[in-house]
């Protein structure tokens, strides 16, 4: 999944420095462009391509790629621990934690305005298993483990 960001280094400071993601690759492509991939700790499947905005049209979508909806999901096996750690790091939680049928969850924003769910799934391995047809099932491509 590609995420449009204003600056590679600012994005790395948040995703690697604050969220604790692994830097998978940072390759210069010339002309100031880079191929920057990050991944949740230990993940072999999930990758996030940090793509620096080029031009005004791309800058306008920074933080608005999902039209103001949550579209990225960060799963944890210990919500309270990770919520406290992220708050201590200054992460902008938009609401207090709440219990849902699918688990404990709170919405946070990255520094660029993208909305994420920090979620500890209920007893199920798949936090989206409780979604019904009337619900709008999130895109699993935006789902990662912390």
Protein backbone atom coordinates (compact mmCIF):
# COMPACT_ATOMS: atom_id res chain seq x y z
CA UNK A 1 0.00 0.00 0.00
CA UNK A 2 1.30 3.46 -0.85
CA UNK A 3 0.86 6.37 1.51
CA UNK A 4 1.41 9.89 0.18
CA UNK A 5 3.53 11.93 2.61
CA UNK A 6 4.99 15.45 2.48
CA UNK A 7 8.54 14.41 3.35
CA UNK A 8 10.37 11.07 3.51
CA UNK A 9 12.35 11.84 6.65
CA UNK A 10 9.37 13.20 8.59
CA UNK A 11 7.42 10.06 7.67
CA UNK A 12 10.31 7.83 8.75
CA UNK A 13 10.59 9.71 12.05
CA UNK A 14 6.97 8.81 12.81
CA UNK A 15 6.59 5.33 11.36
CA UNK A 16 10.00 4.02 12.43
CA UNK A 17 10.79 6.33 15.36
CA UNK A 18 7.36 6.45 17.01
CA UNK A 19 5.34 3.45 15.80
CA UNK A 20 8.41 1.22 15.83
CA UNK A 21 8.07 -0.01 12.25
CA UNK A 22 11.09 -1.58 10.58
CA UNK A 23 12.81 0.27 7.76
CA UNK A 24 12.76 -2.33 4.98
CA UNK A 25 14.29 -0.25 2.21
CA UNK A 26 15.37 3.32 1.53
CA UNK A 27 16.83 3.59 -1.95
CA UNK A 28 17.66 6.84 -3.77
CA UNK A 29 16.06 6.91 -7.22
CA UNK A 30 17.52 10.19 -8.43
CA UNK A 31 15.97 13.61 -8.68
CA UNK A 32 15.28 13.63 -4.94
CA UNK A 33 12.98 10.61 -5.16
CA UNK A 34 13.38 7.58 -2.91
CA UNK A 35 11.85 4.12 -2.66
CA UNK A 36 10.99 3.95 1.05
CA UNK A 37 9.34 0.84 2.47
CA UNK A 38 8.46 0.33 6.13
CA UNK A 39 6.83 -2.62 7.86
CA UNK A 40 5.33 -3.35 11.26
CA UNK A 41 7.88 -5.05 13.53
CA UNK A 42 8.65 -8.57 12.34
CA UNK A 43 6.13 -8.48 9.49
CA UNK A 44 6.99 -10.47 6.38
CA UNK A 45 3.85 -9.58 4.42
CA UNK A 46 2.72 -6.06 5.25
CA UNK A 47 4.60 -3.16 3.69
CA UNK A 48 3.87 0.55 3.51
CA UNK A 49 5.42 2.53 0.67
CA UNK A 50 6.05 6.11 1.77
CA UNK A 51 5.61 8.14 -1.41
CA UNK A 52 6.58 11.82 -1.28
CA UNK A 53 3.96 14.04 -2.87
CA UNK A 54 4.91 15.54 -6.21
CA UNK A 55 2.93 18.63 -7.19
CA UNK A 56 -0.09 20.38 -5.75
CA UNK A 57 -2.61 17.69 -6.66
CA UNK A 58 -0.74 15.04 -4.67
CA UNK A 59 -0.08 17.44 -1.77
CA UNK A 60 -3.85 17.99 -1.48
CA UNK A 61 -4.47 14.30 -0.74
CA UNK A 62 -1.95 14.02 2.08
CA UNK A 63 -3.96 12.86 5.07
CA UNK A 64 -7.13 12.63 3.02
CA UNK A 65 -6.55 9.50 0.94
CA UNK A 66 -9.59 7.87 2.56
CA UNK A 67 -11.83 10.93 2.64
CA UNK A 68 -11.58 11.36 6.41
CA UNK A 69 -12.22 7.71 7.27
CA UNK A 70 -10.01 5.30 9.16
CA UNK A 71 -8.26 3.17 6.56
CA UNK A 72 -5.20 1.79 8.31
CA UNK A 73 -5.37 -0.74 11.14
CA UNK A 74 -2.62 -1.52 13.63
CA UNK A 75 -3.27 -4.65 15.69
CA UNK A 76 -1.70 -5.34 19.06
CA UNK A 77 -1.75 -8.18 21.55
CA UNK A 78 -1.72 -5.69 24.46
CA UNK A 79 -3.85 -2.63 23.80
CA UNK A 80 -3.22 -0.91 27.13
CA UNK A 81 0.56 -1.24 26.84
CA UNK A 82 0.73 0.07 23.28
CA UNK A 83 -1.89 2.78 23.79
CA UNK A 84 0.08 4.10 26.79
CA UNK A 85 3.39 3.92 24.89
CA UNK A 86 2.00 5.75 21.86
CA UNK A 87 0.37 8.43 24.01
CA UNK A 88 3.70 8.93 25.81
CA UNK A 89 5.30 9.41 22.36
CA UNK A 90 2.76 12.17 21.64
CA UNK A 91 0.55 10.26 19.20
CA UNK A 92 -2.72 12.13 18.58
CA UNK A 93 -5.54 9.85 19.71
CA UNK A 94 -8.83 11.28 18.47
CA UNK A 95 -11.02 9.48 20.99
CA UNK A 96 -10.73 7.44 24.18
CA UNK A 97 -10.41 3.66 23.86
CA UNK A 98 -13.66 1.77 23.44
CA UNK A 99 -14.77 -1.85 23.51
CA UNK A 100 -16.40 -3.19 20.35
CA UNK A 101 -17.57 -6.69 19.45
CA UNK A 102 -14.36 -7.15 17.45
CA UNK A 103 -12.01 -5.88 20.16
CA UNK A 104 -10.63 -2.88 22.01
CA UNK A 105 -9.96 0.06 19.70
CA UNK A 106 -9.01 3.74 19.54
CA UNK A 107 -8.58 6.01 16.53
CA UNK A 108 -5.34 7.93 16.14
CA UNK A 109 -3.91 10.25 13.52
CA UNK A 110 -0.44 10.20 12.08
CA UNK A 111 1.29 13.61 11.76
CA UNK A 112 -0.07 13.93 8.21
CA UNK A 113 -3.76 13.45 9.08
CA UNK A 114 -4.23 9.77 8.15
CA UNK A 115 -6.56 7.98 10.54
CA UNK A 116 -5.59 4.63 12.04
CA UNK A 117 -7.26 2.18 14.40
CA UNK A 118 -5.11 0.78 17.18
CA UNK A 119 -6.91 -2.48 17.84
CA UNK A 120 -6.57 -5.46 20.13
CA UNK A 121 -8.77 -8.11 18.54
CA UNK A 122 -11.29 -9.91 20.70
CA UNK A 123 -10.56 -13.61 21.15
CA UNK A 124 -10.60 -14.14 17.38
CA UNK A 125 -7.40 -14.23 15.34
CA UNK A 126 -9.10 -12.07 12.68
CA UNK A 127 -10.33 -8.73 14.06
CA UNK A 128 -12.59 -8.34 11.03
CA UNK A 129 -14.36 -11.68 11.50
CA UNK A 130 -17.33 -10.00 13.24
CA UNK A 131 -18.15 -7.62 10.38
CA UNK A 132 -21.57 -8.23 8.86
CA UNK A 133 -22.84 -7.42 5.39
CA UNK A 134 -24.35 -4.17 6.63
CA UNK A 135 -20.93 -3.02 7.84
CA UNK A 136 -18.37 -1.53 5.55
CA UNK A 137 -15.52 -4.04 5.83
CA UNK A 138 -12.15 -2.30 5.85
CA UNK A 139 -9.57 -3.06 3.21
CA UNK A 140 -7.33 -5.74 4.73
CA UNK A 141 -4.39 -4.27 2.83
CA UNK A 142 -4.32 -1.52 5.45
CA UNK A 143 -4.14 -3.97 8.35
CA UNK A 144 -0.88 -4.60 10.21
CA UNK A 145 0.26 -6.06 13.51
CA UNK A 146 2.21 -4.05 16.07
